[in-house]
């Protein structure tokens, strides 16, 4: 499983909301139009396929930056200016 930074530039407000809501299911929202996602190759393909259906390819852009394995360098790959970066805690809920 690798860590990815996913950024997007969407030209339409409705598509922008849909992309944001879709990405919230896959990762942690860091800043405007920026998510951190821990994904397997299969997850990355599924995420890309879902986003492919939402965006207009002639107007919108989504970028995936592979930071490498979750348990490797990716944990130390983020430097911040201003407010410090804090890794969001993820919790599993069992009902």
PDB file of N, CA and C in Angstrom:
ATOM      1  N   UNK A   1       0.848  -1.175   0.000  1.00  0.00           N
ATOM      2  CA  UNK A   1       0.000   0.000   0.000  1.00  0.00           C
ATOM      3  C   UNK A   1       0.895   1.240   0.000  1.00  0.00           C
ATOM      4  N   UNK A   2       0.600   2.166  -0.918  1.00  0.00           N
ATOM      5  CA  UNK A   2       1.374   3.396  -1.032  1.00  0.00           C
ATOM      6  C   UNK A   2       0.551   4.600  -0.596  1.00  0.00           C
ATOM      7  N   UNK A   3       1.256   5.658  -0.239  1.00  0.00           N
ATOM      8  CA  UNK A   3       0.621   6.925   0.116  1.00  0.00           C
ATOM      9  C   UNK A   3       0.629   7.807  -1.131  1.00  0.00           C
ATOM     10  N   UNK A   4      -0.522   8.402  -1.430  1.00  0.00           N
ATOM     11  CA  UNK A   4      -0.670   9.293  -2.578  1.00  0.00           C
ATOM     12  C   UNK A   4      -1.192  10.640  -2.113  1.00  0.00           C
ATOM     13  N   UNK A   5      -0.684  11.689  -2.722  1.00  0.00           N
ATOM     14  CA  UNK A   5      -1.289  13.008  -2.604  1.00  0.00           C
ATOM     15  C   UNK A   5      -2.110  13.193  -3.874  1.00  0.00           C
ATOM     16  N   UNK A   6      -3.392  13.487  -3.698  1.00  0.00           N
ATOM     17  CA  UNK A   6      -4.299  13.680  -4.825  1.00  0.00           C
ATOM     18  C   UNK A   6      -4.734  15.141  -4.816  1.00  0.00           C
ATOM     19  N   UNK A   7      -4.486  15.829  -5.908  1.00  0.00           N
ATOM     20  CA  UNK A   7      -4.887  17.232  -6.040  1.00  0.00           C
ATOM     21  C   UNK A   7      -5.803  17.359  -7.244  1.00  0.00           C
ATOM     22  N   UNK A   8      -6.675  18.347  -7.197  1.00  0.00           N
ATOM     23  CA  UNK A   8      -7.605  18.497  -8.316  1.00  0.00           C
ATOM     24  C   UNK A   8      -7.924  19.959  -8.571  1.00  0.00           C
ATOM     25  N   UNK A   9      -8.217  20.233  -9.837  1.00  0.00           N
ATOM     26  CA  UNK A   9      -8.650  21.551 -10.302  1.00  0.00           C
ATOM     27  C   UNK A   9      -9.879  21.298 -11.166  1.00  0.00           C
ATOM     28  N   UNK A  10     -11.051  21.590 -10.629  1.00  0.00           N
ATOM     29  CA  UNK A  10     -12.326  21.286 -11.277  1.00  0.00           C
ATOM     30  C   UNK A  10     -13.022  22.601 -11.603  1.00  0.00           C
ATOM     31  N   UNK A  11     -13.472  22.751 -12.834  1.00  0.00           N
ATOM     32  CA  UNK A  11     -14.008  24.032 -13.316  1.00  0.00           C
ATOM     33  C   UNK A  11     -15.471  24.286 -12.975  1.00  0.00           C
ATOM     34  N   UNK A  12     -16.222  23.274 -12.621  1.00  0.00           N
ATOM     35  CA  UNK A  12     -17.652  23.414 -12.365  1.00  0.00           C
ATOM     36  C   UNK A  12     -17.940  23.127 -10.891  1.00  0.00           C
ATOM     37  N   UNK A  13     -18.733  23.973 -10.247  1.00  0.00           N
ATOM     38  CA  UNK A  13     -18.997  23.836  -8.807  1.00  0.00           C
ATOM     39  C   UNK A  13     -19.670  22.506  -8.470  1.00  0.00           C
ATOM     40  N   UNK A  14     -20.596  22.054  -9.289  1.00  0.00           N
ATOM     41  CA  UNK A  14     -21.288  20.786  -9.024  1.00  0.00           C
ATOM     42  C   UNK A  14     -20.314  19.601  -9.116  1.00  0.00           C
ATOM     43  N   UNK A  15     -19.478  19.587 -10.141  1.00  0.00           N
ATOM     44  CA  UNK A  15     -18.481  18.517 -10.268  1.00  0.00           C
ATOM     45  C   UNK A  15     -17.452  18.608  -9.148  1.00  0.00           C
ATOM     46  N   UNK A  16     -17.088  19.824  -8.753  1.00  0.00           N
ATOM     47  CA  UNK A  16     -16.145  20.017  -7.657  1.00  0.00           C
ATOM     48  C   UNK A  16     -16.666  19.370  -6.383  1.00  0.00           C
ATOM     49  N   UNK A  17     -17.938  19.585  -6.059  1.00  0.00           N
ATOM     50  CA  UNK A  17     -18.540  18.959  -4.871  1.00  0.00           C
ATOM     51  C   UNK A  17     -18.542  17.441  -4.986  1.00  0.00           C
ATOM     52  N   UNK A  18     -18.856  16.942  -6.172  1.00  0.00           N
ATOM     53  CA  UNK A  18     -18.891  15.489  -6.372  1.00  0.00           C
ATOM     54  C   UNK A  18     -17.502  14.873  -6.210  1.00  0.00           C
ATOM     55  N   UNK A  19     -16.483  15.522  -6.762  1.00  0.00           N
ATOM     56  CA  UNK A  19     -15.113  15.031  -6.616  1.00  0.00           C
ATOM     57  C   UNK A  19     -14.709  15.058  -5.145  1.00  0.00           C
ATOM     58  N   UNK A  20     -14.991  16.153  -4.454  1.00  0.00           N
ATOM     59  CA  UNK A  20     -14.658  16.266  -3.031  1.00  0.00           C
ATOM     60  C   UNK A  20     -15.337  15.155  -2.224  1.00  0.00           C
ATOM     61  N   UNK A  21     -16.628  14.964  -2.423  1.00  0.00           N
ATOM     62  CA  UNK A  21     -17.362  13.938  -1.681  1.00  0.00           C
ATOM     63  C   UNK A  21     -16.836  12.541  -1.993  1.00  0.00           C
ATOM     64  N   UNK A  22     -16.490  12.302  -3.244  1.00  0.00           N
ATOM     65  CA  UNK A  22     -15.963  10.995  -3.629  1.00  0.00           C
ATOM     66  C   UNK A  22     -14.602  10.745  -2.973  1.00  0.00           C
ATOM     67  N   UNK A  23     -13.726  11.736  -2.996  1.00  0.00           N
ATOM     68  CA  UNK A  23     -12.398  11.572  -2.406  1.00  0.00           C
ATOM     69  C   UNK A  23     -12.451  11.417  -0.888  1.00  0.00           C
ATOM     70  N   UNK A  24     -13.447  12.006  -0.234  1.00  0.00           N
ATOM     71  CA  UNK A  24     -13.569  11.857   1.226  1.00  0.00           C
ATOM     72  C   UNK A  24     -13.708  10.398   1.628  1.00  0.00           C
ATOM     73  N   UNK A  25     -14.251   9.567   0.749  1.00  0.00           N
ATOM     74  CA  UNK A  25     -14.389   8.138   1.042  1.00  0.00           C
ATOM     75  C   UNK A  25     -13.063   7.400   0.932  1.00  0.00           C
ATOM     76  N   UNK A  26     -12.074   8.009   0.295  1.00  0.00           N
ATOM     77  CA  UNK A  26     -10.816   7.329   0.008  1.00  0.00           C
ATOM     78  C   UNK A  26      -9.633   7.835   0.823  1.00  0.00           C
ATOM     79  N   UNK A  27      -9.738   9.036   1.393  1.00  0.00           N
ATOM     80  CA  UNK A  27      -8.563   9.564   2.076  1.00  0.00           C
ATOM     81  C   UNK A  27      -8.876  10.712   2.998  1.00  0.00           C
ATOM     82  N   UNK A  28      -7.825  11.380   3.426  1.00  0.00           N
ATOM     83  CA  UNK A  28      -7.918  12.477   4.386  1.00  0.00           C
ATOM     84  C   UNK A  28      -7.781  13.812   3.665  1.00  0.00           C
ATOM     85  N   UNK A  29      -8.726  14.708   3.917  1.00  0.00           N
ATOM     86  CA  UNK A  29      -8.715  16.043   3.317  1.00  0.00           C
ATOM     87  C   UNK A  29      -7.672  16.881   4.049  1.00  0.00           C
ATOM     88  N   UNK A  30      -6.666  17.355   3.328  1.00  0.00           N
ATOM     89  CA  UNK A  30      -5.583  18.126   3.944  1.00  0.00           C
ATOM     90  C   UNK A  30      -5.784  19.623   3.778  1.00  0.00           C
ATOM     91  N   UNK A  31      -6.075  20.060   2.573  1.00  0.00           N
ATOM     92  CA  UNK A  31      -6.266  21.473   2.246  1.00  0.00           C
ATOM     93  C   UNK A  31      -7.254  21.544   1.093  1.00  0.00           C
ATOM     94  N   UNK A  32      -7.587  22.777   0.679  1.00  0.00           N
ATOM     95  CA  UNK A  32      -8.454  22.919  -0.486  1.00  0.00           C
ATOM     96  C   UNK A  32      -7.893  22.080  -1.634  1.00  0.00           C
ATOM     97  N   UNK A  33      -8.696  21.218  -2.168  1.00  0.00           N
ATOM     98  CA  UNK A  33      -8.359  20.419  -3.354  1.00  0.00           C
ATOM     99  C   UNK A  33      -7.159  19.507  -3.164  1.00  0.00           C
ATOM    100  N   UNK A  34      -6.862  19.096  -1.928  1.00  0.00           N
ATOM    101  CA  UNK A  34      -5.731  18.207  -1.661  1.00  0.00           C
ATOM    102  C   UNK A  34      -6.158  17.120  -0.676  1.00  0.00           C
ATOM    103  N   UNK A  35      -5.901  15.865  -1.058  1.00  0.00           N
ATOM    104  CA  UNK A  35      -6.180  14.721  -0.201  1.00  0.00           C
ATOM    105  C   UNK A  35      -4.936  13.859  -0.066  1.00  0.00           C
ATOM    106  N   UNK A  36      -4.826  13.179   1.074  1.00  0.00           N
ATOM    107  CA  UNK A  36      -3.796  12.166   1.303  1.00  0.00           C
ATOM    108  C   UNK A  36      -4.520  10.830   1.365  1.00  0.00           C
ATOM    109  N   UNK A  37      -4.120   9.894   0.514  1.00  0.00           N
ATOM    110  CA  UNK A  37      -4.798   8.602   0.429  1.00  0.00           C
ATOM    111  C   UNK A  37      -3.785   7.469   0.548  1.00  0.00           C
ATOM    112  N   UNK A  38      -4.121   6.451   1.310  1.00  0.00           N
ATOM    113  CA  UNK A  38      -3.332   5.227   1.376  1.00  0.00           C
ATOM    114  C   UNK A  38      -4.053   4.202   0.516  1.00  0.00           C
ATOM    115  N   UNK A  39      -3.415   3.804  -0.598  1.00  0.00           N
ATOM    116  CA  UNK A  39      -4.101   3.003  -1.603  1.00  0.00           C
ATOM    117  C   UNK A  39      -3.248   1.835  -2.078  1.00  0.00           C
ATOM    118  N   UNK A  40      -3.900   0.706  -2.279  1.00  0.00           N
ATOM    119  CA  UNK A  40      -3.273  -0.397  -2.996  1.00  0.00           C
ATOM    120  C   UNK A  40      -3.387  -0.095  -4.488  1.00  0.00           C
ATOM    121  N   UNK A  41      -2.761  -0.900  -5.311  1.00  0.00           N
ATOM    122  CA  UNK A  41      -2.883  -0.695  -6.763  1.00  0.00           C
ATOM    123  C   UNK A  41      -4.336  -0.825  -7.200  1.00  0.00           C
ATOM    124  N   UNK A  42      -5.026  -1.784  -6.617  1.00  0.00           N
ATOM    125  CA  UNK A  42      -6.441  -1.992  -6.949  1.00  0.00           C
ATOM    126  C   UNK A  42      -7.268  -0.774  -6.532  1.00  0.00           C
ATOM    127  N   UNK A  43      -7.016  -0.271  -5.307  1.00  0.00           N
ATOM    128  CA  UNK A  43      -7.727   0.923  -4.828  1.00  0.00           C
ATOM    129  C   UNK A  43      -7.477   2.114  -5.753  1.00  0.00           C
ATOM    130  N   UNK A  44      -6.222   2.292  -6.168  1.00  0.00           N
ATOM    131  CA  UNK A  44      -5.877   3.404  -7.049  1.00  0.00           C
ATOM    132  C   UNK A  44      -6.645   3.301  -8.369  1.00  0.00           C
ATOM    133  N   UNK A  45      -6.740   2.093  -8.899  1.00  0.00           N
ATOM    134  CA  UNK A  45      -7.487   1.892 -10.146  1.00  0.00           C
ATOM    135  C   UNK A  45      -8.970   2.197  -9.950  1.00  0.00           C
ATOM    136  N   UNK A  46      -9.538   1.753  -8.821  1.00  0.00           N
ATOM    137  CA  UNK A  46     -10.952   2.017  -8.543  1.00  0.00           C
ATOM    138  C   UNK A  46     -11.201   3.510  -8.335  1.00  0.00           C
ATOM    139  N   UNK A  47     -10.311   4.162  -7.605  1.00  0.00           N
ATOM    140  CA  UNK A  47     -10.435   5.604  -7.386  1.00  0.00           C
ATOM    141  C   UNK A  47     -10.380   6.346  -8.722  1.00  0.00           C
ATOM    142  N   UNK A  48      -9.405   6.001  -9.541  1.00  0.00           N
ATOM    143  CA  UNK A  48      -9.278   6.648 -10.843  1.00  0.00           C
ATOM    144  C   UNK A  48     -10.494   6.424 -11.728  1.00  0.00           C
ATOM    145  N   UNK A  49     -11.043   5.213 -11.704  1.00  0.00           N
ATOM    146  CA  UNK A  49     -12.224   4.914 -12.518  1.00  0.00           C
ATOM    147  C   UNK A  49     -13.427   5.729 -12.057  1.00  0.00           C
ATOM    148  N   UNK A  50     -13.596   5.858 -10.743  1.00  0.00           N
ATOM    149  CA  UNK A  50     -14.708   6.647 -10.219  1.00  0.00           C
ATOM    150  C   UNK A  50     -14.587   8.115 -10.569  1.00  0.00           C
ATOM    151  N   UNK A  51     -13.381   8.655 -10.439  1.00  0.00           N
ATOM    152  CA  UNK A  51     -13.160  10.062 -10.779  1.00  0.00           C
ATOM    153  C   UNK A  51     -13.287  10.295 -12.283  1.00  0.00           C
ATOM    154  N   UNK A  52     -12.879   9.307 -13.061  1.00  0.00           N
ATOM    155  CA  UNK A  52     -12.988   9.381 -14.522  1.00  0.00           C
ATOM    156  C   UNK A  52     -14.432   9.643 -14.945  1.00  0.00           C
ATOM    157  N   UNK A  53     -15.375   9.055 -14.217  1.00  0.00           N
ATOM    158  CA  UNK A  53     -16.796   9.205 -14.540  1.00  0.00           C
ATOM    159  C   UNK A  53     -17.349  10.572 -14.132  1.00  0.00           C
ATOM    160  N   UNK A  54     -16.699  11.241 -13.197  1.00  0.00           N
ATOM    161  CA  UNK A  54     -17.211  12.508 -12.661  1.00  0.00           C
ATOM    162  C   UNK A  54     -16.728  13.713 -13.460  1.00  0.00           C
ATOM    163  N   UNK A  55     -15.452  13.713 -13.824  1.00  0.00           N
ATOM    164  CA  UNK A  55     -14.857  14.932 -14.382  1.00  0.00           C
ATOM    165  C   UNK A  55     -15.123  15.084 -15.877  1.00  0.00           C
ATOM    166  N   UNK A  56     -14.947  16.299 -16.363  1.00  0.00           N
ATOM    167  CA  UNK A  56     -14.925  16.591 -17.797  1.00  0.00           C
ATOM    168  C   UNK A  56     -13.455  16.681 -18.191  1.00  0.00           C
ATOM    169  N   UNK A  57     -13.029  15.773 -19.025  1.00  0.00           N
ATOM    170  CA  UNK A  57     -11.606  15.637 -19.331  1.00  0.00           C
ATOM    171  C   UNK A  57     -11.027  16.812 -20.110  1.00  0.00           C
ATOM    172  N   UNK A  58     -11.861  17.585 -20.752  1.00  0.00           N
ATOM    173  CA  UNK A  58     -11.362  18.742 -21.501  1.00  0.00           C
ATOM    174  C   UNK A  58     -11.261  20.001 -20.637  1.00  0.00           C
ATOM    175  N   UNK A  59     -11.797  19.949 -19.396  1.00  0.00           N
ATOM    176  CA  UNK A  59     -11.808  21.131 -18.524  1.00  0.00           C
ATOM    177  C   UNK A  59     -11.129  20.914 -17.176  1.00  0.00           C
ATOM    178  N   UNK A  60     -11.176  19.708 -16.654  1.00  0.00           N
ATOM    179  CA  UNK A  60     -10.753  19.428 -15.281  1.00  0.00           C
ATOM    180  C   UNK A  60      -9.421  18.682 -15.257  1.00  0.00           C
ATOM    181  N   UNK A  61      -8.767  18.706 -14.084  1.00  0.00           N
ATOM    182  CA  UNK A  61      -7.504  17.986 -13.920  1.00  0.00           C
ATOM    183  C   UNK A  61      -7.428  17.402 -12.515  1.00  0.00           C
ATOM    184  N   UNK A  62      -6.976  16.143 -12.440  1.00  0.00           N
ATOM    185  CA  UNK A  62      -6.693  15.487 -11.165  1.00  0.00           C
ATOM    186  C   UNK A  62      -5.288  14.917 -11.271  1.00  0.00           C
ATOM    187  N   UNK A  63      -4.460  15.176 -10.246  1.00  0.00           N
ATOM    188  CA  UNK A  63      -3.085  14.691 -10.224  1.00  0.00           C
ATOM    189  C   UNK A  63      -2.897  13.742  -9.044  1.00  0.00           C
ATOM    190  N   UNK A  64      -2.137  12.660  -9.269  1.00  0.00           N
ATOM    191  CA  UNK A  64      -1.817  11.680  -8.234  1.00  0.00           C
ATOM    192  C   UNK A  64      -0.300  11.683  -8.047  1.00  0.00           C
ATOM    193  N   UNK A  65       0.161  11.995  -6.838  1.00  0.00           N
ATOM    194  CA  UNK A  65       1.584  11.979  -6.524  1.00  0.00           C
ATOM    195  C   UNK A  65       1.852  10.796  -5.604  1.00  0.00           C
ATOM    196  N   UNK A  66       2.638   9.842  -6.069  1.00  0.00           N
ATOM    197  CA  UNK A  66       2.957   8.639  -5.305  1.00  0.00           C
ATOM    198  C   UNK A  66       4.138   8.946  -4.384  1.00  0.00           C
ATOM    199  N   UNK A  67       3.886   8.917  -3.060  1.00  0.00           N
ATOM    200  CA  UNK A  67       4.946   9.179  -2.080  1.00  0.00           C
ATOM    201  C   UNK A  67       5.645   7.911  -1.626  1.00  0.00           C
ATOM    202  N   UNK A  68       5.194   6.767  -2.114  1.00  0.00           N
ATOM    203  CA  UNK A  68       5.842   5.513  -1.770  1.00  0.00           C
ATOM    204  C   UNK A  68       5.092   4.738  -0.702  1.00  0.00           C
ATOM    205  N   UNK A  69       5.714   3.667  -0.218  1.00  0.00           N
ATOM    206  CA  UNK A  69       5.055   2.775   0.741  1.00  0.00           C
ATOM    207  C   UNK A  69       4.652   3.488   2.031  1.00  0.00           C
ATOM    208  N   UNK A  70       3.503   3.078   2.547  1.00  0.00           N
ATOM    209  CA  UNK A  70       2.962   3.644   3.788  1.00  0.00           C
ATOM    210  C   UNK A  70       3.953   3.511   4.936  1.00  0.00           C
ATOM    211  N   UNK A  71       4.621   2.377   5.022  1.00  0.00           N
ATOM    212  CA  UNK A  71       5.528   2.135   6.150  1.00  0.00           C
ATOM    213  C   UNK A  71       6.965   2.557   5.843  1.00  0.00           C
ATOM    214  N   UNK A  72       7.169   3.267   4.759  1.00  0.00           N
ATOM    215  CA  UNK A  72       8.511   3.702   4.385  1.00  0.00           C
ATOM    216  C   UNK A  72       8.679   5.199   4.498  1.00  0.00           C
ATOM    217  N   UNK A  73       9.299   5.780   3.507  1.00  0.00           N
ATOM    218  CA  UNK A  73       9.634   7.204   3.475  1.00  0.00           C
ATOM    219  C   UNK A  73       8.410   8.110   3.501  1.00  0.00           C
ATOM    220  N   UNK A  74       7.256   7.630   3.072  1.00  0.00           N
ATOM    221  CA  UNK A  74       6.064   8.479   2.959  1.00  0.00           C
ATOM    222  C   UNK A  74       5.716   9.160   4.274  1.00  0.00           C
ATOM    223  N   UNK A  75       5.965   8.527   5.391  1.00  0.00           N
ATOM    224  CA  UNK A  75       5.646   9.125   6.687  1.00  0.00           C
ATOM    225  C   UNK A  75       6.468  10.387   6.947  1.00  0.00           C
ATOM    226  N   UNK A  76       7.679  10.447   6.404  1.00  0.00           N
ATOM    227  CA  UNK A  76       8.539  11.609   6.632  1.00  0.00           C
ATOM    228  C   UNK A  76       8.590  12.540   5.427  1.00  0.00           C
ATOM    229  N   UNK A  77       7.751  12.343   4.432  1.00  0.00           N
ATOM    230  CA  UNK A  77       7.863  13.076   3.171  1.00  0.00           C
ATOM    231  C   UNK A  77       7.190  14.442   3.188  1.00  0.00           C
ATOM    232  N   UNK A  78       6.546  14.819   4.280  1.00  0.00           N
ATOM    233  CA  UNK A  78       5.799  16.072   4.302  1.00  0.00           C
ATOM    234  C   UNK A  78       6.530  17.100   5.162  1.00  0.00           C
ATOM    235  N   UNK A  79       6.865  18.229   4.549  1.00  0.00           N
ATOM    236  CA  UNK A  79       7.396  19.379   5.274  1.00  0.00           C
ATOM    237  C   UNK A  79       6.354  20.478   5.187  1.00  0.00           C
ATOM    238  N   UNK A  80       6.239  21.279   6.219  1.00  0.00           N
ATOM    239  CA  UNK A  80       5.213  22.323   6.234  1.00  0.00           C
ATOM    240  C   UNK A  80       5.833  23.673   6.561  1.00  0.00           C
ATOM    241  N   UNK A  81       5.237  24.715   6.008  1.00  0.00           N
ATOM    242  CA  UNK A  81       5.544  26.090   6.377  1.00  0.00           C
ATOM    243  C   UNK A  81       4.297  26.655   7.031  1.00  0.00           C
ATOM    244  N   UNK A  82       4.450  27.459   8.050  1.00  0.00           N
ATOM    245  CA  UNK A  82       3.275  27.964   8.761  1.00  0.00           C
ATOM    246  C   UNK A  82       2.767  26.908   9.726  1.00  0.00           C
ATOM    247  N   UNK A  83       1.478  26.650   9.694  1.00  0.00           N
ATOM    248  CA  UNK A  83       0.901  25.651  10.585  1.00  0.00           C
ATOM    249  C   UNK A  83       1.516  24.287  10.319  1.00  0.00           C
ATOM    250  N   UNK A  84       1.836  23.524  11.370  1.00  0.00           N
ATOM    251  CA  UNK A  84       2.454  22.216  11.168  1.00  0.00           C
ATOM    252  C   UNK A  84       1.458  21.201  10.616  1.00  0.00           C
ATOM    253  N   UNK A  85       1.972  20.251   9.837  1.00  0.00           N
ATOM    254  CA  UNK A  85       1.158  19.148   9.340  1.00  0.00           C
ATOM    255  C   UNK A  85       1.003  18.124  10.457  1.00  0.00           C
ATOM    256  N   UNK A  86      -0.207  17.701  10.703  1.00  0.00           N
ATOM    257  CA  UNK A  86      -0.451  16.617  11.654  1.00  0.00           C
ATOM    258  C   UNK A  86      -1.189  15.516  10.923  1.00  0.00           C
ATOM    259  N   UNK A  87      -0.699  14.300  11.063  1.00  0.00           N
ATOM    260  CA  UNK A  87      -1.326  13.158  10.403  1.00  0.00           C
ATOM    261  C   UNK A  87      -2.671  12.883  11.061  1.00  0.00           C
ATOM    262  N   UNK A  88      -3.763  12.867  10.285  1.00  0.00           N
ATOM    263  CA  UNK A  88      -5.084  12.631  10.874  1.00  0.00           C
ATOM    264  C   UNK A  88      -5.189  11.222  11.438  1.00  0.00           C
ATOM    265  N   UNK A  89      -5.825  11.110  12.580  1.00  0.00           N
ATOM    266  CA  UNK A  89      -6.081   9.804  13.175  1.00  0.00           C
ATOM    267  C   UNK A  89      -7.256   9.163  12.459  1.00  0.00           C
ATOM    268  N   UNK A  90      -7.127   7.903  12.117  1.00  0.00           N
ATOM    269  CA  UNK A  90      -8.221   7.161  11.488  1.00  0.00           C
ATOM    270  C   UNK A  90      -8.729   6.164  12.511  1.00  0.00           C
ATOM    271  N   UNK A  91     -10.035   6.077  12.619  1.00  0.00           N
ATOM    272  CA  UNK A  91     -10.653   5.180  13.586  1.00  0.00           C
ATOM    273  C   UNK A  91     -11.603   4.238  12.876  1.00  0.00           C
ATOM    274  N   UNK A  92     -11.602   3.001  13.303  1.00  0.00           N
ATOM    275  CA  UNK A  92     -12.559   2.026  12.779  1.00  0.00           C
ATOM    276  C   UNK A  92     -13.716   1.919  13.763  1.00  0.00           C
ATOM    277  N   UNK A  93     -14.912   1.886  13.233  1.00  0.00           N
ATOM    278  CA  UNK A  93     -16.103   1.747  14.057  1.00  0.00           C
ATOM    279  C   UNK A  93     -16.749   0.408  13.748  1.00  0.00           C
ATOM    280  N   UNK A  94     -17.061  -0.340  14.775  1.00  0.00           N
ATOM    281  CA  UNK A  94     -17.718  -1.632  14.610  1.00  0.00           C
ATOM    282  C   UNK A  94     -19.087  -1.534  15.247  1.00  0.00           C
ATOM    283  N   UNK A  95     -20.114  -1.824  14.462  1.00  0.00           N
ATOM    284  CA  UNK A  95     -21.484  -1.750  14.969  1.00  0.00           C
ATOM    285  C   UNK A  95     -22.073  -3.128  15.071  1.00  0.00           C
TER     286      UNK A  95
END
